[in-house]
Amino acid sequence: FGFMSGAFSVVNILADSVGPGTVGIHGDSQHYFLSSAF
């Protein structure tokens, strides 16, 4: 259950983490990817 839940929770976020773009450039939190992983 956990494996499948985790995969659907974070797979799109991990795909976005490879760029392009910079997290927090518009004043948002820079810890988005790290917080999502934890």
PDB file of all heavy atoms in Angstrom:
ATOM      1  N   PHE A   1       0.839  -1.195   0.000  1.00  0.00           N
ATOM      2  CA  PHE A   1       0.000   0.000   0.000  1.00  0.00           C
ATOM      3  C   PHE A   1       0.877   1.250   0.000  1.00  0.00           C
ATOM      4  O   PHE A   1       0.622   2.214  -0.722  1.00  0.00           O
ATOM      5  CB  PHE A   1      -0.904   0.001   1.238  1.00  0.00           C
ATOM      6  CG  PHE A   1      -2.238  -0.650   1.032  1.00  0.00           C
ATOM      7  CD1 PHE A   1      -2.337  -1.981   0.661  1.00  0.00           C
ATOM      8  CD2 PHE A   1      -3.410   0.058   1.216  1.00  0.00           C
ATOM      9  CE1 PHE A   1      -3.563  -2.594   0.485  1.00  0.00           C
ATOM     10  CE2 PHE A   1      -4.653  -0.525   1.038  1.00  0.00           C
ATOM     11  CZ  PHE A   1      -4.725  -1.862   0.668  1.00  0.00           C
ATOM     12  N   GLY A   2       1.916   1.229   0.845  1.00  0.00           N
ATOM     13  CA  GLY A   2       2.785   2.387   0.975  1.00  0.00           C
ATOM     14  C   GLY A   2       3.553   2.697  -0.292  1.00  0.00           C
ATOM     15  O   GLY A   2       3.677   3.867  -0.691  1.00  0.00           O
ATOM     16  N   PHE A   3       4.095   1.670  -0.929  1.00  0.00           N
ATOM     17  CA  PHE A   3       4.849   1.865  -2.172  1.00  0.00           C
ATOM     18  C   PHE A   3       3.995   2.557  -3.234  1.00  0.00           C
ATOM     19  O   PHE A   3       4.424   3.535  -3.858  1.00  0.00           O
ATOM     20  CB  PHE A   3       5.349   0.528  -2.714  1.00  0.00           C
ATOM     21  CG  PHE A   3       6.760   0.211  -2.320  1.00  0.00           C
ATOM     22  CD1 PHE A   3       7.054  -0.982  -1.670  1.00  0.00           C
ATOM     23  CD2 PHE A   3       7.792   1.085  -2.604  1.00  0.00           C
ATOM     24  CE1 PHE A   3       8.360  -1.283  -1.292  1.00  0.00           C
ATOM     25  CE2 PHE A   3       9.098   0.792  -2.243  1.00  0.00           C
ATOM     26  CZ  PHE A   3       9.381  -0.392  -1.579  1.00  0.00           C
ATOM     27  N   MET A   4       2.794   2.050  -3.432  1.00  0.00           N
ATOM     28  CA  MET A   4       1.943   2.610  -4.472  1.00  0.00           C
ATOM     29  C   MET A   4       1.472   4.013  -4.103  1.00  0.00           C
ATOM     30  O   MET A   4       1.431   4.916  -4.955  1.00  0.00           O
ATOM     31  CB  MET A   4       0.734   1.687  -4.708  1.00  0.00           C
ATOM     32  CG  MET A   4      -0.064   2.031  -5.949  1.00  0.00           C
ATOM     33  SD  MET A   4       0.918   1.990  -7.471  1.00  0.00           S
ATOM     34  CE  MET A   4       1.243   0.236  -7.620  1.00  0.00           C
ATOM     35  N   SER A   5       1.130   4.209  -2.829  1.00  0.00           N
ATOM     36  CA  SER A   5       0.714   5.530  -2.373  1.00  0.00           C
ATOM     37  C   SER A   5       1.837   6.545  -2.539  1.00  0.00           C
ATOM     38  O   SER A   5       1.628   7.662  -3.021  1.00  0.00           O
ATOM     39  CB  SER A   5       0.280   5.466  -0.905  1.00  0.00           C
ATOM     40  OG  SER A   5      -0.028   6.746  -0.413  1.00  0.00           O
ATOM     41  N   GLY A   6       3.056   6.157  -2.148  1.00  0.00           N
ATOM     42  CA  GLY A   6       4.201   7.049  -2.283  1.00  0.00           C
ATOM     43  C   GLY A   6       4.507   7.375  -3.729  1.00  0.00           C
ATOM     44  O   GLY A   6       4.832   8.523  -4.061  1.00  0.00           O
ATOM     45  N   ALA A   7       4.397   6.374  -4.591  1.00  0.00           N
ATOM     46  CA  ALA A   7       4.693   6.600  -6.007  1.00  0.00           C
ATOM     47  C   ALA A   7       3.744   7.629  -6.613  1.00  0.00           C
ATOM     48  O   ALA A   7       4.170   8.552  -7.315  1.00  0.00           O
ATOM     49  CB  ALA A   7       4.604   5.283  -6.775  1.00  0.00           C
ATOM     50  N   PHE A   8       2.450   7.494  -6.317  1.00  0.00           N
ATOM     51  CA  PHE A   8       1.486   8.434  -6.874  1.00  0.00           C
ATOM     52  C   PHE A   8       1.576   9.810  -6.206  1.00  0.00           C
ATOM     53  O   PHE A   8       1.186  10.809  -6.800  1.00  0.00           O
ATOM     54  CB  PHE A   8       0.066   7.879  -6.733  1.00  0.00           C
ATOM     55  CG  PHE A   8      -0.352   7.014  -7.887  1.00  0.00           C
ATOM     56  CD1 PHE A   8       0.017   5.678  -7.931  1.00  0.00           C
ATOM     57  CD2 PHE A   8      -1.088   7.538  -8.933  1.00  0.00           C
ATOM     58  CE1 PHE A   8      -0.351   4.879  -9.004  1.00  0.00           C
ATOM     59  CE2 PHE A   8      -1.462   6.748 -10.000  1.00  0.00           C
ATOM     60  CZ  PHE A   8      -1.089   5.411 -10.044  1.00  0.00           C
ATOM     61  N   SER A   9       2.090   9.851  -4.976  1.00  0.00           N
ATOM     62  CA  SER A   9       2.190  11.126  -4.266  1.00  0.00           C
ATOM     63  C   SER A   9       3.315  11.992  -4.795  1.00  0.00           C
ATOM     64  O   SER A   9       3.197  13.223  -4.846  1.00  0.00           O
ATOM     65  CB  SER A   9       2.401  10.879  -2.765  1.00  0.00           C
ATOM     66  OG  SER A   9       1.309  10.214  -2.195  1.00  0.00           O
ATOM     67  N   VAL A  10       4.437  11.370  -5.196  1.00  0.00           N
ATOM     68  CA  VAL A  10       5.640  12.163  -5.428  1.00  0.00           C
ATOM     69  C   VAL A  10       6.200  12.051  -6.849  1.00  0.00           C
ATOM     70  O   VAL A  10       7.113  12.791  -7.200  1.00  0.00           O
ATOM     71  CB  VAL A  10       6.722  11.745  -4.402  1.00  0.00           C
ATOM     72  CG1 VAL A  10       7.441  10.469  -4.845  1.00  0.00           C
ATOM     73  CG2 VAL A  10       7.705  12.866  -4.126  1.00  0.00           C
ATOM     74  N   VAL A  11       5.657  11.157  -7.668  1.00  0.00           N
ATOM     75  CA  VAL A  11       6.269  10.942  -8.992  1.00  0.00           C
ATOM     76  C   VAL A  11       6.218  12.203  -9.853  1.00  0.00           C
ATOM     77  O   VAL A  11       7.199  12.553 -10.530  1.00  0.00           O
ATOM     78  CB  VAL A  11       5.601   9.740  -9.706  1.00  0.00           C
ATOM     79  CG1 VAL A  11       4.138  10.018 -10.016  1.00  0.00           C
ATOM     80  CG2 VAL A  11       6.360   9.395 -10.985  1.00  0.00           C
ATOM     81  N   ASN A  12       5.104  12.941  -9.843  1.00  0.00           N
ATOM     82  CA  ASN A  12       5.013  14.166 -10.640  1.00  0.00           C
ATOM     83  C   ASN A  12       5.914  15.261 -10.084  1.00  0.00           C
ATOM     84  O   ASN A  12       6.482  16.060 -10.845  1.00  0.00           O
ATOM     85  CB  ASN A  12       3.568  14.658 -10.690  1.00  0.00           C
ATOM     86  CG  ASN A  12       2.682  13.771 -11.539  1.00  0.00           C
ATOM     87  OD1 ASN A  12       3.142  13.130 -12.478  1.00  0.00           O
ATOM     88  ND2 ASN A  12       1.401  13.715 -11.213  1.00  0.00           N
ATOM     89  N   ILE A  13       6.042  15.290  -8.760  1.00  0.00           N
ATOM     90  CA  ILE A  13       6.915  16.278  -8.126  1.00  0.00           C
ATOM     91  C   ILE A  13       8.367  16.005  -8.490  1.00  0.00           C
ATOM     92  O   ILE A  13       9.136  16.922  -8.791  1.00  0.00           O
ATOM     93  CB  ILE A  13       6.719  16.248  -6.593  1.00  0.00           C
ATOM     94  CG1 ILE A  13       5.287  16.660  -6.249  1.00  0.00           C
ATOM     95  CG2 ILE A  13       7.720  17.157  -5.889  1.00  0.00           C
ATOM     96  CD1 ILE A  13       4.931  16.510  -4.791  1.00  0.00           C
ATOM     97  N   LEU A  14       8.762  14.732  -8.487  1.00  0.00           N
ATOM     98  CA  LEU A  14      10.125  14.385  -8.873  1.00  0.00           C
ATOM     99  C   LEU A  14      10.381  14.714 -10.336  1.00  0.00           C
ATOM    100  O   LEU A  14      11.489  15.145 -10.706  1.00  0.00           O
ATOM    101  CB  LEU A  14      10.380  12.897  -8.616  1.00  0.00           C
ATOM    102  CG  LEU A  14      10.441  12.460  -7.153  1.00  0.00           C
ATOM    103  CD1 LEU A  14      10.584  10.946  -7.055  1.00  0.00           C
ATOM    104  CD2 LEU A  14      11.596  13.141  -6.430  1.00  0.00           C
ATOM    105  N   ALA A  15       9.380  14.524 -11.163  1.00  0.00           N
ATOM    106  CA  ALA A  15       9.537  14.856 -12.585  1.00  0.00           C
ATOM    107  C   ALA A  15       9.775  16.358 -12.769  1.00  0.00           C
ATOM    108  O   ALA A  15      10.587  16.779 -13.606  1.00  0.00           O
ATOM    109  CB  ALA A  15       8.304  14.414 -13.366  1.00  0.00           C
ATOM    110  N   ASP A  16       9.088  17.166 -11.976  1.00  0.00           N
ATOM    111  CA  ASP A  16       9.274  18.621 -12.061  1.00  0.00           C
ATOM    112  C   ASP A  16      10.608  19.067 -11.479  1.00  0.00           C
ATOM    113  O   ASP A  16      11.123  20.134 -11.850  1.00  0.00           O
ATOM    114  CB  ASP A  16       8.147  19.339 -11.317  1.00  0.00           C
ATOM    115  CG  ASP A  16       6.812  19.230 -12.037  1.00  0.00           C
ATOM    116  OD1 ASP A  16       6.826  18.998 -13.259  1.00  0.00           O
ATOM    117  OD2 ASP A  16       5.770  19.363 -11.371  1.00  0.00           O
ATOM    118  N   SER A  17      11.171  18.261 -10.577  1.00  0.00           N
ATOM    119  CA  SER A  17      12.405  18.674  -9.901  1.00  0.00           C
ATOM    120  C   SER A  17      13.612  18.712 -10.837  1.00  0.00           C
ATOM    121  O   SER A  17      14.617  19.343 -10.525  1.00  0.00           O
ATOM    122  CB  SER A  17      12.701  17.737  -8.728  1.00  0.00           C
ATOM    123  OG  SER A  17      13.080  16.447  -9.179  1.00  0.00           O
ATOM    124  N   VAL A  18      13.529  18.021 -11.978  1.00  0.00           N
ATOM    125  CA  VAL A  18      14.659  18.017 -12.907  1.00  0.00           C
ATOM    126  C   VAL A  18      14.694  19.272 -13.778  1.00  0.00           C
ATOM    127  O   VAL A  18      15.577  19.423 -14.623  1.00  0.00           O
ATOM    128  CB  VAL A  18      14.637  16.756 -13.795  1.00  0.00           C
ATOM    129  CG1 VAL A  18      14.779  15.508 -12.950  1.00  0.00           C
ATOM    130  CG2 VAL A  18      13.363  16.703 -14.627  1.00  0.00           C
ATOM    131  N   GLY A  19      13.711  20.171 -13.577  1.00  0.00           N
ATOM    132  CA  GLY A  19      13.712  21.444 -14.275  1.00  0.00           C
ATOM    133  C   GLY A  19      12.880  21.394 -15.544  1.00  0.00           C
ATOM    134  O   GLY A  19      12.258  20.373 -15.851  1.00  0.00           O
ATOM    135  N   PRO A  20      12.865  22.509 -16.283  1.00  0.00           N
ATOM    136  CA  PRO A  20      13.553  23.772 -15.968  1.00  0.00           C
ATOM    137  C   PRO A  20      12.794  24.589 -14.925  1.00  0.00           C
ATOM    138  O   PRO A  20      11.615  24.333 -14.684  1.00  0.00           O
ATOM    139  CB  PRO A  20      13.545  24.493 -17.318  1.00  0.00           C
ATOM    140  CG  PRO A  20      12.283  24.003 -17.972  1.00  0.00           C
ATOM    141  CD  PRO A  20      12.133  22.557 -17.562  1.00  0.00           C
ATOM    142  N   GLY A  21      13.471  25.542 -14.315  1.00  0.00           N
ATOM    143  CA  GLY A  21      12.845  26.403 -13.319  1.00  0.00           C
ATOM    144  C   GLY A  21      13.607  26.377 -12.017  1.00  0.00           C
ATOM    145  O   GLY A  21      14.444  25.502 -11.790  1.00  0.00           O
ATOM    146  N   THR A  22      13.301  27.342 -11.166  1.00  0.00           N
ATOM    147  CA  THR A  22      13.931  27.455  -9.861  1.00  0.00           C
ATOM    148  C   THR A  22      12.855  27.581  -8.807  1.00  0.00           C
ATOM    149  O   THR A  22      12.003  28.480  -8.881  1.00  0.00           O
ATOM    150  CB  THR A  22      14.864  28.681  -9.791  1.00  0.00           C
ATOM    151  OG1 THR A  22      15.856  28.569 -10.814  1.00  0.00           O
ATOM    152  CG2 THR A  22      15.536  28.758  -8.430  1.00  0.00           C
ATOM    153  N   VAL A  23      12.861  26.695  -7.826  1.00  0.00           N
ATOM    154  CA  VAL A  23      11.859  26.723  -6.766  1.00  0.00           C
ATOM    155  C   VAL A  23      12.083  27.944  -5.881  1.00  0.00           C
ATOM    156  O   VAL A  23      13.204  28.210  -5.454  1.00  0.00           O
ATOM    157  CB  VAL A  23      11.937  25.440  -5.919  1.00  0.00           C
ATOM    158  CG1 VAL A  23      10.922  25.506  -4.779  1.00  0.00           C
ATOM    159  CG2 VAL A  23      11.682  24.232  -6.787  1.00  0.00           C
ATOM    160  N   GLY A  24      10.996  28.682  -5.621  1.00  0.00           N
ATOM    161  CA  GLY A  24      11.077  29.822  -4.717  1.00  0.00           C
ATOM    162  C   GLY A  24      11.490  31.121  -5.356  1.00  0.00           C
ATOM    163  O   GLY A  24      11.682  32.119  -4.664  1.00  0.00           O
ATOM    164  N   ILE A  25      11.624  31.148  -6.674  1.00  0.00           N
ATOM    165  CA  ILE A  25      12.090  32.355  -7.343  1.00  0.00           C
ATOM    166  C   ILE A  25      11.079  33.499  -7.220  1.00  0.00           C
ATOM    167  O   ILE A  25      11.434  34.678  -7.293  1.00  0.00           O
ATOM    168  CB  ILE A  25      12.413  32.064  -8.830  1.00  0.00           C
ATOM    169  CG1 ILE A  25      13.256  33.199  -9.415  1.00  0.00           C
ATOM    170  CG2 ILE A  25      11.149  31.845  -9.627  1.00  0.00           C
ATOM    171  CD1 ILE A  25      13.797  32.913 -10.795  1.00  0.00           C
ATOM    172  N   HIS A  26       9.806  33.159  -7.025  1.00  0.00           N
ATOM    173  CA  HIS A  26       8.769  34.179  -6.872  1.00  0.00           C
ATOM    174  C   HIS A  26       8.368  34.366  -5.410  1.00  0.00           C
ATOM    175  O   HIS A  26       7.273  34.860  -5.132  1.00  0.00           O
ATOM    176  CB  HIS A  26       7.539  33.813  -7.702  1.00  0.00           C
ATOM    177  CG  HIS A  26       7.802  33.784  -9.178  1.00  0.00           C
ATOM    178  ND1 HIS A  26       8.199  34.897  -9.892  1.00  0.00           N
ATOM    179  CD2 HIS A  26       7.732  32.762 -10.077  1.00  0.00           C
ATOM    180  CE1 HIS A  26       8.364  34.580 -11.161  1.00  0.00           C
ATOM    181  NE2 HIS A  26       8.086  33.290 -11.314  1.00  0.00           N
ATOM    182  N   GLY A  27       9.239  33.976  -4.500  1.00  0.00           N
ATOM    183  CA  GLY A  27       8.961  34.191  -3.081  1.00  0.00           C
ATOM    184  C   GLY A  27       8.328  33.008  -2.376  1.00  0.00           C
ATOM    185  O   GLY A  27       8.052  33.075  -1.163  1.00  0.00           O
ATOM    186  N   ASP A  28       8.078  31.912  -3.092  1.00  0.00           N
ATOM    187  CA  ASP A  28       7.520  30.716  -2.456  1.00  0.00           C
ATOM    188  C   ASP A  28       8.620  29.968  -1.698  1.00  0.00           C
ATOM    189  O   ASP A  28       9.810  30.255  -1.829  1.00  0.00           O
ATOM    190  CB  ASP A  28       6.901  29.797  -3.512  1.00  0.00           C
ATOM    191  CG  ASP A  28       5.744  30.467  -4.232  1.00  0.00           C
ATOM    192  OD1 ASP A  28       4.947  31.141  -3.548  1.00  0.00           O
ATOM    193  OD2 ASP A  28       5.641  30.323  -5.464  1.00  0.00           O
ATOM    194  N   SER A  29       8.198  28.962  -0.923  1.00  0.00           N
ATOM    195  CA  SER A  29       9.154  28.197  -0.132  1.00  0.00           C
ATOM    196  C   SER A  29      10.109  27.404  -1.027  1.00  0.00           C
ATOM    197  O   SER A  29       9.688  26.799  -2.017  1.00  0.00           O
ATOM    198  CB  SER A  29       8.418  27.232   0.803  1.00  0.00           C
ATOM    199  OG  SER A  29       9.332  26.385   1.474  1.00  0.00           O
ATOM    200  N   GLN A  30      11.367  27.421  -0.667  1.00  0.00           N
ATOM    201  CA  GLN A  30      12.370  26.658  -1.409  1.00  0.00           C
ATOM    202  C   GLN A  30      12.454  25.203  -0.938  1.00  0.00           C
ATOM    203  O   GLN A  30      13.243  24.432  -1.472  1.00  0.00           O
ATOM    204  CB  GLN A  30      13.738  27.323  -1.261  1.00  0.00           C
ATOM    205  CG  GLN A  30      13.812  28.714  -1.867  1.00  0.00           C
ATOM    206  CD  GLN A  30      15.193  29.326  -1.767  1.00  0.00           C
ATOM    207  OE1 GLN A  30      16.092  28.759  -1.148  1.00  0.00           O
ATOM    208  NE2 GLN A  30      15.373  30.481  -2.380  1.00  0.00           N
ATOM    209  N   HIS A  31      11.655  24.858   0.069  1.00  0.00           N
ATOM    210  CA  HIS A  31      11.710  23.517   0.650  1.00  0.00           C
ATOM    211  C   HIS A  31      10.596  22.612   0.117  1.00  0.00           C
ATOM    212  O   HIS A  31      10.292  21.588   0.724  1.00  0.00           O
ATOM    213  CB  HIS A  31      11.619  23.593   2.170  1.00  0.00           C
ATOM    214  CG  HIS A  31      12.668  24.470   2.785  1.00  0.00           C
ATOM    215  ND1 HIS A  31      14.010  24.206   2.670  1.00  0.00           N
ATOM    216  CD2 HIS A  31      12.568  25.615   3.508  1.00  0.00           C
ATOM    217  CE1 HIS A  31      14.704  25.135   3.302  1.00  0.00           C
ATOM    218  NE2 HIS A  31      13.852  26.014   3.815  1.00  0.00           N
ATOM    219  N   TYR A  32       9.999  23.000  -0.997  1.00  0.00           N
ATOM    220  CA  TYR A  32       8.860  22.245  -1.523  1.00  0.00           C
ATOM    221  C   TYR A  32       9.220  20.793  -1.834  1.00  0.00           C
ATOM    222  O   TYR A  32       8.559  19.857  -1.364  1.00  0.00           O
ATOM    223  CB  TYR A  32       8.330  22.941  -2.775  1.00  0.00           C
ATOM    224  CG  TYR A  32       7.265  22.170  -3.510  1.00  0.00           C
ATOM    225  CD1 TYR A  32       6.023  21.942  -2.925  1.00  0.00           C
ATOM    226  CD2 TYR A  32       7.503  21.652  -4.786  1.00  0.00           C
ATOM    227  CE1 TYR A  32       5.046  21.238  -3.596  1.00  0.00           C
ATOM    228  CE2 TYR A  32       6.532  20.954  -5.463  1.00  0.00           C
ATOM    229  CZ  TYR A  32       5.307  20.743  -4.865  1.00  0.00           C
ATOM    230  OH  TYR A  32       4.343  20.034  -5.521  1.00  0.00           O
ATOM    231  N   PHE A  33      10.285  20.581  -2.598  1.00  0.00           N
ATOM    232  CA  PHE A  33      10.660  19.221  -2.989  1.00  0.00           C
ATOM    233  C   PHE A  33      11.112  18.404  -1.784  1.00  0.00           C
ATOM    234  O   PHE A  33      10.747  17.233  -1.636  1.00  0.00           O
ATOM    235  CB  PHE A  33      11.766  19.259  -4.044  1.00  0.00           C
ATOM    236  CG  PHE A  33      11.335  19.821  -5.359  1.00  0.00           C
ATOM    237  CD1 PHE A  33      11.968  20.914  -5.915  1.00  0.00           C
ATOM    238  CD2 PHE A  33      10.268  19.262  -6.052  1.00  0.00           C
ATOM    239  CE1 PHE A  33      11.568  21.431  -7.135  1.00  0.00           C
ATOM    240  CE2 PHE A  33       9.851  19.767  -7.272  1.00  0.00           C
ATOM    241  CZ  PHE A  33      10.502  20.865  -7.811  1.00  0.00           C
ATOM    242  N   LEU A  34      11.901  19.009  -0.919  1.00  0.00           N
ATOM    243  CA  LEU A  34      12.399  18.303   0.255  1.00  0.00           C
ATOM    244  C   LEU A  34      11.256  17.930   1.199  1.00  0.00           C
ATOM    245  O   LEU A  34      11.200  16.808   1.713  1.00  0.00           O
ATOM    246  CB  LEU A  34      13.432  19.163   0.977  1.00  0.00           C
ATOM    247  CG  LEU A  34      14.291  18.479   2.044  1.00  0.00           C
ATOM    248  CD1 LEU A  34      15.122  17.364   1.421  1.00  0.00           C
ATOM    249  CD2 LEU A  34      15.197  19.494   2.730  1.00  0.00           C
ATOM    250  N   SER A  35      10.341  18.856   1.403  1.00  0.00           N
ATOM    251  CA  SER A  35       9.194  18.582   2.280  1.00  0.00           C
ATOM    252  C   SER A  35       8.307  17.488   1.703  1.00  0.00           C
ATOM    253  O   SER A  35       7.803  16.625   2.430  1.00  0.00           O
ATOM    254  CB  SER A  35       8.385  19.863   2.491  1.00  0.00           C
ATOM    255  OG  SER A  35       9.166  20.874   3.082  1.00  0.00           O
ATOM    256  N   SER A  36       8.122  17.519   0.385  1.00  0.00           N
ATOM    257  CA  SER A  36       7.319  16.486  -0.270  1.00  0.00           C
ATOM    258  C   SER A  36       7.958  15.109  -0.125  1.00  0.00           C
ATOM    259  O   SER A  36       7.268  14.102   0.077  1.00  0.00           O
ATOM    260  CB  SER A  36       7.144  16.820  -1.752  1.00  0.00           C
ATOM    261  OG  SER A  36       6.491  18.050  -1.924  1.00  0.00           O
ATOM    262  N   ALA A  37       9.289  15.047  -0.210  1.00  0.00           N
ATOM    263  CA  ALA A  37       9.996  13.777  -0.073  1.00  0.00           C
ATOM    264  C   ALA A  37       9.828  13.218   1.345  1.00  0.00           C
ATOM    265  O   ALA A  37       9.564  12.025   1.528  1.00  0.00           O
ATOM    266  CB  ALA A  37      11.473  13.959  -0.390  1.00  0.00           C
ATOM    267  N   PHE A  38       9.981  14.079   2.356  1.00  0.00           N
ATOM    268  CA  PHE A  38       9.831  13.618   3.738  1.00  0.00           C
ATOM    269  C   PHE A  38       8.386  13.227   4.052  1.00  0.00           C
ATOM    270  O   PHE A  38       8.149  12.285   4.813  1.00  0.00           O
ATOM    271  CB  PHE A  38      10.313  14.692   4.709  1.00  0.00           C
ATOM    272  CG  PHE A  38      11.801  14.671   4.949  1.00  0.00           C
ATOM    273  CD1 PHE A  38      12.623  15.635   4.388  1.00  0.00           C
ATOM    274  CD2 PHE A  38      12.375  13.668   5.718  1.00  0.00           C
ATOM    275  CE1 PHE A  38      13.997  15.611   4.596  1.00  0.00           C
ATOM    276  CE2 PHE A  38      13.743  13.633   5.938  1.00  0.00           C
ATOM    277  CZ  PHE A  38      14.558  14.602   5.371  1.00  0.00           C
TER     278      PHE A  38
END
